[in-house]
PDB file of all heavy atoms in Angstrom:
ATOM      1  N   ASN A   1       3.335 -14.875 -77.889  1.00  0.00           N
ATOM      2  CA  ASN A   1       3.462 -13.416 -77.850  1.00  0.00           C
ATOM      3  C   ASN A   1       3.698 -12.811 -79.229  1.00  0.00           C
ATOM      4  O   ASN A   1       3.690 -11.587 -79.388  1.00  0.00           O
ATOM      5  CB  ASN A   1       4.598 -13.003 -76.916  1.00  0.00           C
ATOM      6  CG  ASN A   1       4.219 -13.098 -75.456  1.00  0.00           C
ATOM      7  OD1 ASN A   1       3.055 -13.264 -75.113  1.00  0.00           O
ATOM      8  ND2 ASN A   1       5.213 -13.015 -74.584  1.00  0.00           N
ATOM      9  N   TRP A   2       3.917 -13.673 -80.221  1.00  0.00           N
ATOM     10  CA  TRP A   2       4.156 -13.195 -81.581  1.00  0.00           C
ATOM     11  C   TRP A   2       2.913 -13.310 -82.463  1.00  0.00           C
ATOM     12  O   TRP A   2       2.997 -13.173 -83.682  1.00  0.00           O
ATOM     13  CB  TRP A   2       5.329 -13.948 -82.206  1.00  0.00           C
ATOM     14  CG  TRP A   2       6.618 -13.552 -81.577  1.00  0.00           C
ATOM     15  CD1 TRP A   2       7.338 -14.238 -80.650  1.00  0.00           C
ATOM     16  CD2 TRP A   2       7.314 -12.330 -81.809  1.00  0.00           C
ATOM     17  NE1 TRP A   2       8.446 -13.525 -80.282  1.00  0.00           N
ATOM     18  CE2 TRP A   2       8.458 -12.339 -80.993  1.00  0.00           C
ATOM     19  CE3 TRP A   2       7.082 -11.216 -82.627  1.00  0.00           C
ATOM     20  CZ2 TRP A   2       9.367 -11.289 -80.957  1.00  0.00           C
ATOM     21  CZ3 TRP A   2       7.979 -10.168 -82.598  1.00  0.00           C
ATOM     22  CH2 TRP A   2       9.113 -10.212 -81.771  1.00  0.00           C
ATOM     23  N   ILE A   3       1.773 -13.508 -81.833  1.00  0.00           N
ATOM     24  CA  ILE A   3       0.513 -13.496 -82.578  1.00  0.00           C
ATOM     25  C   ILE A   3       0.019 -12.050 -82.608  1.00  0.00           C
ATOM     26  O   ILE A   3      -0.419 -11.501 -81.596  1.00  0.00           O
ATOM     27  CB  ILE A   3      -0.526 -14.427 -81.931  1.00  0.00           C
ATOM     28  CG1 ILE A   3      -0.003 -15.866 -81.936  1.00  0.00           C
ATOM     29  CG2 ILE A   3      -1.866 -14.318 -82.653  1.00  0.00           C
ATOM     30  CD1 ILE A   3      -0.890 -16.849 -81.215  1.00  0.00           C
ATOM     31  N   PHE A   4       0.119 -11.427 -83.754  1.00  0.00           N
ATOM     32  CA  PHE A   4      -0.183 -10.009 -83.907  1.00  0.00           C
ATOM     33  C   PHE A   4      -1.575  -9.755 -84.493  1.00  0.00           C
ATOM     34  O   PHE A   4      -1.960  -8.604 -84.664  1.00  0.00           O
ATOM     35  CB  PHE A   4       0.847  -9.357 -84.849  1.00  0.00           C
ATOM     36  CG  PHE A   4       2.152  -9.007 -84.201  1.00  0.00           C
ATOM     37  CD1 PHE A   4       2.773  -9.839 -83.276  1.00  0.00           C
ATOM     38  CD2 PHE A   4       2.792  -7.821 -84.524  1.00  0.00           C
ATOM     39  CE1 PHE A   4       3.977  -9.511 -82.691  1.00  0.00           C
ATOM     40  CE2 PHE A   4       4.008  -7.476 -83.952  1.00  0.00           C
ATOM     41  CZ  PHE A   4       4.605  -8.321 -83.034  1.00  0.00           C
ATOM     42  N   SER A   5      -2.320 -10.804 -84.814  1.00  0.00           N
ATOM     43  CA  SER A   5      -3.601 -10.621 -85.492  1.00  0.00           C
ATOM     44  C   SER A   5      -4.754 -11.120 -84.627  1.00  0.00           C
ATOM     45  O   SER A   5      -4.567 -11.832 -83.634  1.00  0.00           O
ATOM     46  CB  SER A   5      -3.601 -11.358 -86.827  1.00  0.00           C
ATOM     47  OG  SER A   5      -3.357 -12.748 -86.640  1.00  0.00           O
ATOM     48  N   ASN A   6      -5.951 -10.745 -85.051  1.00  0.00           N
ATOM     49  CA  ASN A   6      -7.173 -11.081 -84.330  1.00  0.00           C
ATOM     50  C   ASN A   6      -8.060 -11.999 -85.179  1.00  0.00           C
ATOM     51  O   ASN A   6      -7.786 -12.242 -86.352  1.00  0.00           O
ATOM     52  CB  ASN A   6      -7.919  -9.796 -83.974  1.00  0.00           C
ATOM     53  CG  ASN A   6      -7.041  -8.837 -83.189  1.00  0.00           C
ATOM     54  OD1 ASN A   6      -6.613  -9.136 -82.083  1.00  0.00           O
ATOM     55  ND2 ASN A   6      -6.751  -7.687 -83.785  1.00  0.00           N
ATOM     56  N   ASP A   7      -9.139 -12.516 -84.563  1.00  0.00           N
ATOM     57  CA  ASP A   7     -10.016 -13.451 -85.258  1.00  0.00           C
ATOM     58  C   ASP A   7     -10.599 -12.859 -86.528  1.00  0.00           C
ATOM     59  O   ASP A   7     -10.883 -13.581 -87.489  1.00  0.00           O
ATOM     60  CB  ASP A   7     -11.141 -13.903 -84.333  1.00  0.00           C
ATOM     61  CG  ASP A   7     -10.645 -14.778 -83.186  1.00  0.00           C
ATOM     62  OD1 ASP A   7      -9.528 -15.322 -83.311  1.00  0.00           O
ATOM     63  OD2 ASP A   7     -11.364 -14.902 -82.180  1.00  0.00           O
ATOM     64  N   ASP A   8     -10.800 -11.548 -86.566  1.00  0.00           N
ATOM     65  CA  ASP A   8     -11.377 -10.922 -87.755  1.00  0.00           C
ATOM     66  C   ASP A   8     -10.338 -10.597 -88.823  1.00  0.00           C
ATOM     67  O   ASP A   8     -10.655 -10.000 -89.847  1.00  0.00           O
ATOM     68  CB  ASP A   8     -12.143  -9.648 -87.376  1.00  0.00           C
ATOM     69  CG  ASP A   8     -11.245  -8.577 -86.758  1.00  0.00           C
ATOM     70  OD1 ASP A   8     -10.033  -8.833 -86.581  1.00  0.00           O
ATOM     71  OD2 ASP A   8     -11.768  -7.486 -86.445  1.00  0.00           O
ATOM     72  N   GLY A   9      -9.067 -10.977 -88.575  1.00  0.00           N
ATOM     73  CA  GLY A   9      -8.015 -10.740 -89.546  1.00  0.00           C
ATOM     74  C   GLY A   9      -7.312  -9.406 -89.403  1.00  0.00           C
ATOM     75  O   GLY A   9      -6.358  -9.136 -90.133  1.00  0.00           O
ATOM     76  N   SER A  10      -7.753  -8.582 -88.470  1.00  0.00           N
ATOM     77  CA  SER A  10      -7.092  -7.292 -88.260  1.00  0.00           C
ATOM     78  C   SER A  10      -5.761  -7.487 -87.540  1.00  0.00           C
ATOM     79  O   SER A  10      -5.574  -8.463 -86.800  1.00  0.00           O
ATOM     80  CB  SER A  10      -7.991  -6.354 -87.458  1.00  0.00           C
ATOM     81  OG  SER A  10      -8.231  -6.882 -86.156  1.00  0.00           O
ATOM     82  N   VAL A  11      -4.831  -6.572 -87.772  1.00  0.00           N
ATOM     83  CA  VAL A  11      -3.515  -6.613 -87.144  1.00  0.00           C
ATOM     84  C   VAL A  11      -3.476  -5.599 -86.016  1.00  0.00           C
ATOM     85  O   VAL A  11      -4.029  -4.488 -86.123  1.00  0.00           O
ATOM     86  CB  VAL A  11      -2.414  -6.305 -88.181  1.00  0.00           C
ATOM     87  CG1 VAL A  11      -1.042  -6.201 -87.513  1.00  0.00           C
ATOM     88  CG2 VAL A  11      -2.398  -7.379 -89.258  1.00  0.00           C
ATOM     89  N   ASN A  12      -2.835  -5.972 -84.913  1.00  0.00           N
ATOM     90  CA  ASN A  12      -2.685  -5.054 -83.787  1.00  0.00           C
ATOM     91  C   ASN A  12      -1.695  -3.939 -84.155  1.00  0.00           C
ATOM     92  O   ASN A  12      -0.500  -4.205 -84.323  1.00  0.00           O
ATOM     93  CB  ASN A  12      -2.176  -5.793 -82.549  1.00  0.00           C
ATOM     94  CG  ASN A  12      -3.139  -6.840 -82.054  1.00  0.00           C
ATOM     95  OD1 ASN A  12      -4.353  -6.672 -82.159  1.00  0.00           O
ATOM     96  ND2 ASN A  12      -2.617  -7.926 -81.523  1.00  0.00           N
ATOM     97  N   VAL A  13      -2.193  -2.725 -84.288  1.00  0.00           N
ATOM     98  CA  VAL A  13      -1.387  -1.569 -84.648  1.00  0.00           C
ATOM     99  C   VAL A  13      -1.724  -0.432 -83.689  1.00  0.00           C
ATOM    100  O   VAL A  13      -2.899  -0.180 -83.396  1.00  0.00           O
ATOM    101  CB  VAL A  13      -1.669  -1.118 -86.100  1.00  0.00           C
ATOM    102  CG1 VAL A  13      -0.823   0.097 -86.453  1.00  0.00           C
ATOM    103  CG2 VAL A  13      -1.396  -2.247 -87.080  1.00  0.00           C
ATOM    104  N   THR A  14      -0.711   0.248 -83.174  1.00  0.00           N
ATOM    105  CA  THR A  14      -0.964   1.394 -82.313  1.00  0.00           C
ATOM    106  C   THR A  14      -1.512   2.538 -83.157  1.00  0.00           C
ATOM    107  O   THR A  14      -0.934   2.920 -84.164  1.00  0.00           O
ATOM    108  CB  THR A  14       0.319   1.854 -81.606  1.00  0.00           C
ATOM    109  OG1 THR A  14       1.339   2.091 -82.576  1.00  0.00           O
ATOM    110  CG2 THR A  14       0.809   0.796 -80.627  1.00  0.00           C
ATOM    111  N   THR A  15      -2.634   3.092 -82.720  1.00  0.00           N
ATOM    112  CA  THR A  15      -3.303   4.122 -83.511  1.00  0.00           C
ATOM    113  C   THR A  15      -3.389   5.473 -82.798  1.00  0.00           C
ATOM    114  O   THR A  15      -3.881   6.434 -83.374  1.00  0.00           O
ATOM    115  CB  THR A  15      -4.723   3.678 -83.895  1.00  0.00           C
ATOM    116  OG1 THR A  15      -5.463   3.370 -82.697  1.00  0.00           O
ATOM    117  CG2 THR A  15      -4.672   2.447 -84.794  1.00  0.00           C
ATOM    118  N   THR A  16      -2.907   5.535 -81.560  1.00  0.00           N
ATOM    119  CA  THR A  16      -2.892   6.803 -80.827  1.00  0.00           C
ATOM    120  C   THR A  16      -1.476   7.068 -80.336  1.00  0.00           C
ATOM    121  O   THR A  16      -0.660   6.143 -80.223  1.00  0.00           O
ATOM    122  CB  THR A  16      -3.839   6.781 -79.621  1.00  0.00           C
ATOM    123  OG1 THR A  16      -3.338   5.846 -78.642  1.00  0.00           O
ATOM    124  CG2 THR A  16      -5.253   6.376 -80.042  1.00  0.00           C
ATOM    125  N   LEU A  17      -1.195   8.319 -80.023  1.00  0.00           N
ATOM    126  CA  LEU A  17       0.126   8.664 -79.519  1.00  0.00           C
ATOM    127  C   LEU A  17       0.379   7.994 -78.180  1.00  0.00           C
ATOM    128  O   LEU A  17       1.484   7.513 -77.904  1.00  0.00           O
ATOM    129  CB  LEU A  17       0.251  10.186 -79.390  1.00  0.00           C
ATOM    130  CG  LEU A  17       1.635  10.723 -79.004  1.00  0.00           C
ATOM    131  CD1 LEU A  17       2.680  10.320 -80.032  1.00  0.00           C
ATOM    132  CD2 LEU A  17       1.593  12.245 -78.867  1.00  0.00           C
ATOM    133  N   GLU A  18      -0.645   7.933 -77.344  1.00  0.00           N
ATOM    134  CA  GLU A  18      -0.495   7.287 -76.044  1.00  0.00           C
ATOM    135  C   GLU A  18      -0.152   5.810 -76.189  1.00  0.00           C
ATOM    136  O   GLU A  18       0.700   5.269 -75.476  1.00  0.00           O
ATOM    137  CB  GLU A  18      -1.779   7.457 -75.217  1.00  0.00           C
ATOM    138  CG  GLU A  18      -2.060   8.869 -74.754  1.00  0.00           C
ATOM    139  CD  GLU A  18      -2.618   9.778 -75.849  1.00  0.00           C
ATOM    140  OE1 GLU A  18      -2.974   9.257 -76.946  1.00  0.00           O
ATOM    141  OE2 GLU A  18      -2.696  10.993 -75.633  1.00  0.00           O
ATOM    142  N   ALA A  19      -0.812   5.141 -77.128  1.00  0.00           N
ATOM    143  CA  ALA A  19      -0.534   3.725 -77.354  1.00  0.00           C
ATOM    144  C   ALA A  19       0.869   3.531 -77.903  1.00  0.00           C
ATOM    145  O   ALA A  19       1.578   2.590 -77.517  1.00  0.00           O
ATOM    146  CB  ALA A  19      -1.560   3.147 -78.318  1.00  0.00           C
ATOM    147  N   CYS A  20       1.265   4.433 -78.777  1.00  0.00           N
ATOM    148  CA  CYS A  20       2.601   4.337 -79.354  1.00  0.00           C
ATOM    149  C   CYS A  20       3.666   4.459 -78.278  1.00  0.00           C
ATOM    150  O   CYS A  20       4.636   3.712 -78.245  1.00  0.00           O
ATOM    151  CB  CYS A  20       2.765   5.438 -80.403  1.00  0.00           C
ATOM    152  SG  CYS A  20       4.340   5.438 -81.230  1.00  0.00           S
ATOM    153  N   VAL A  21       3.466   5.408 -77.357  1.00  0.00           N
ATOM    154  CA  VAL A  21       4.415   5.601 -76.263  1.00  0.00           C
ATOM    155  C   VAL A  21       4.444   4.387 -75.353  1.00  0.00           C
ATOM    156  O   VAL A  21       5.508   3.883 -74.988  1.00  0.00           O
ATOM    157  CB  VAL A  21       4.068   6.872 -75.459  1.00  0.00           C
ATOM    158  CG1 VAL A  21       4.906   6.958 -74.193  1.00  0.00           C
ATOM    159  CG2 VAL A  21       4.261   8.119 -76.310  1.00  0.00           C
ATOM    160  N   ALA A  22       3.290   3.881 -75.005  1.00  0.00           N
ATOM    161  CA  ALA A  22       3.212   2.739 -74.080  1.00  0.00           C
ATOM    162  C   ALA A  22       3.819   1.480 -74.705  1.00  0.00           C
ATOM    163  O   ALA A  22       4.409   0.658 -74.005  1.00  0.00           O
ATOM    164  CB  ALA A  22       1.755   2.481 -73.693  1.00  0.00           C
ATOM    165  N   ALA A  23       3.696   1.347 -76.020  1.00  0.00           N
ATOM    166  CA  ALA A  23       4.181   0.141 -76.686  1.00  0.00           C
ATOM    167  C   ALA A  23       5.671   0.175 -76.942  1.00  0.00           C
ATOM    168  O   ALA A  23       6.277  -0.873 -77.163  1.00  0.00           O
ATOM    169  CB  ALA A  23       3.445  -0.055 -78.002  1.00  0.00           C
ATOM    170  N   ALA A  24       6.277   1.336 -76.926  1.00  0.00           N
ATOM    171  CA  ALA A  24       7.669   1.417 -77.348  1.00  0.00           C
ATOM    172  C   ALA A  24       8.602   2.015 -76.302  1.00  0.00           C
ATOM    173  O   ALA A  24       9.752   2.306 -76.606  1.00  0.00           O
ATOM    174  CB  ALA A  24       7.765   2.227 -78.640  1.00  0.00           C
ATOM    175  N   ARG A  25       8.116   2.171 -75.087  1.00  0.00           N
ATOM    176  CA  ARG A  25       9.011   2.618 -74.023  1.00  0.00           C
ATOM    177  C   ARG A  25       9.891   1.451 -73.589  1.00  0.00           C
ATOM    178  O   ARG A  25       9.607   0.296 -73.924  1.00  0.00           O
ATOM    179  CB  ARG A  25       8.195   3.164 -72.857  1.00  0.00           C
ATOM    180  CG  ARG A  25       7.413   2.097 -72.115  1.00  0.00           C
ATOM    181  CD  ARG A  25       6.382   2.688 -71.162  1.00  0.00           C
ATOM    182  NE  ARG A  25       5.795   1.645 -70.332  1.00  0.00           N
ATOM    183  CZ  ARG A  25       4.647   1.779 -69.674  1.00  0.00           C
ATOM    184  NH1 ARG A  25       3.971   2.901 -69.766  1.00  0.00           N
ATOM    185  NH2 ARG A  25       4.194   0.794 -68.933  1.00  0.00           N
ATOM    186  N   PRO A  26      10.989   1.709 -72.845  1.00  0.00           N
ATOM    187  CA  PRO A  26      11.873   0.609 -72.436  1.00  0.00           C
ATOM    188  C   PRO A  26      11.157  -0.497 -71.661  1.00  0.00           C
ATOM    189  O   PRO A  26      11.399  -1.675 -71.900  1.00  0.00           O
ATOM    190  CB  PRO A  26      12.919   1.308 -71.570  1.00  0.00           C
ATOM    191  CG  PRO A  26      12.947   2.701 -72.079  1.00  0.00           C
ATOM    192  CD  PRO A  26      11.525   3.019 -72.447  1.00  0.00           C
ATOM    193  N   ASP A  27      10.261  -0.110 -70.755  1.00  0.00           N
ATOM    194  CA  ASP A  27       9.482  -1.117 -70.026  1.00  0.00           C
ATOM    195  C   ASP A  27       8.107  -1.213 -70.697  1.00  0.00           C
ATOM    196  O   ASP A  27       7.116  -0.693 -70.222  1.00  0.00           O
ATOM    197  CB  ASP A  27       9.348  -0.753 -68.547  1.00  0.00           C
ATOM    198  CG  ASP A  27       8.771   0.638 -68.329  1.00  0.00           C
ATOM    199  OD1 ASP A  27       8.930   1.502 -69.224  1.00  0.00           O
ATOM    200  OD2 ASP A  27       8.164   0.867 -67.274  1.00  0.00           O
ATOM    201  N   VAL A  28       8.070  -1.902 -71.829  1.00  0.00           N
ATOM    202  CA  VAL A  28       6.868  -1.951 -72.653  1.00  0.00           C
ATOM    203  C   VAL A  28       5.681  -2.470 -71.854  1.00  0.00           C
ATOM    204  O   VAL A  28       5.772  -3.472 -71.142  1.00  0.00           O
ATOM    205  CB  VAL A  28       7.112  -2.845 -73.886  1.00  0.00           C
ATOM    206  CG1 VAL A  28       5.826  -3.024 -74.683  1.00  0.00           C
ATOM    207  CG2 VAL A  28       8.200  -2.253 -74.753  1.00  0.00           C
ATOM    208  N   ASP A  29       4.567  -1.776 -71.965  1.00  0.00           N
ATOM    209  CA  ASP A  29       3.331  -2.220 -71.345  1.00  0.00           C
ATOM    210  C   ASP A  29       2.964  -3.578 -71.942  1.00  0.00           C
ATOM    211  O   ASP A  29       2.801  -3.707 -73.153  1.00  0.00           O
ATOM    212  CB  ASP A  29       2.231  -1.199 -71.636  1.00  0.00           C
ATOM    213  CG  ASP A  29       0.935  -1.501 -70.902  1.00  0.00           C
ATOM    214  OD1 ASP A  29       0.696  -2.679 -70.562  1.00  0.00           O
ATOM    215  OD2 ASP A  29       0.150  -0.556 -70.686  1.00  0.00           O
ATOM    216  N   PRO A  30       2.833  -4.624 -71.127  1.00  0.00           N
ATOM    217  CA  PRO A  30       2.510  -5.964 -71.659  1.00  0.00           C
ATOM    218  C   PRO A  30       1.240  -5.989 -72.495  1.00  0.00           C
ATOM    219  O   PRO A  30       1.055  -6.889 -73.316  1.00  0.00           O
ATOM    220  CB  PRO A  30       2.373  -6.819 -70.398  1.00  0.00           C
ATOM    221  CG  PRO A  30       3.236  -6.134 -69.389  1.00  0.00           C
ATOM    222  CD  PRO A  30       3.076  -4.657 -69.676  1.00  0.00           C
TER     223      PRO A  30
END
C-alpha cells in the first residue's frame, strides 16, 4: 500500500478537489 508510483515513473498525486476530498476524509476511499 506504500507503492506511490507507476510503471512510467509518475507519482500518484490528487489533482482535483474531488480527489483531494476522497483521499483525505476520515474514511479514506481505498
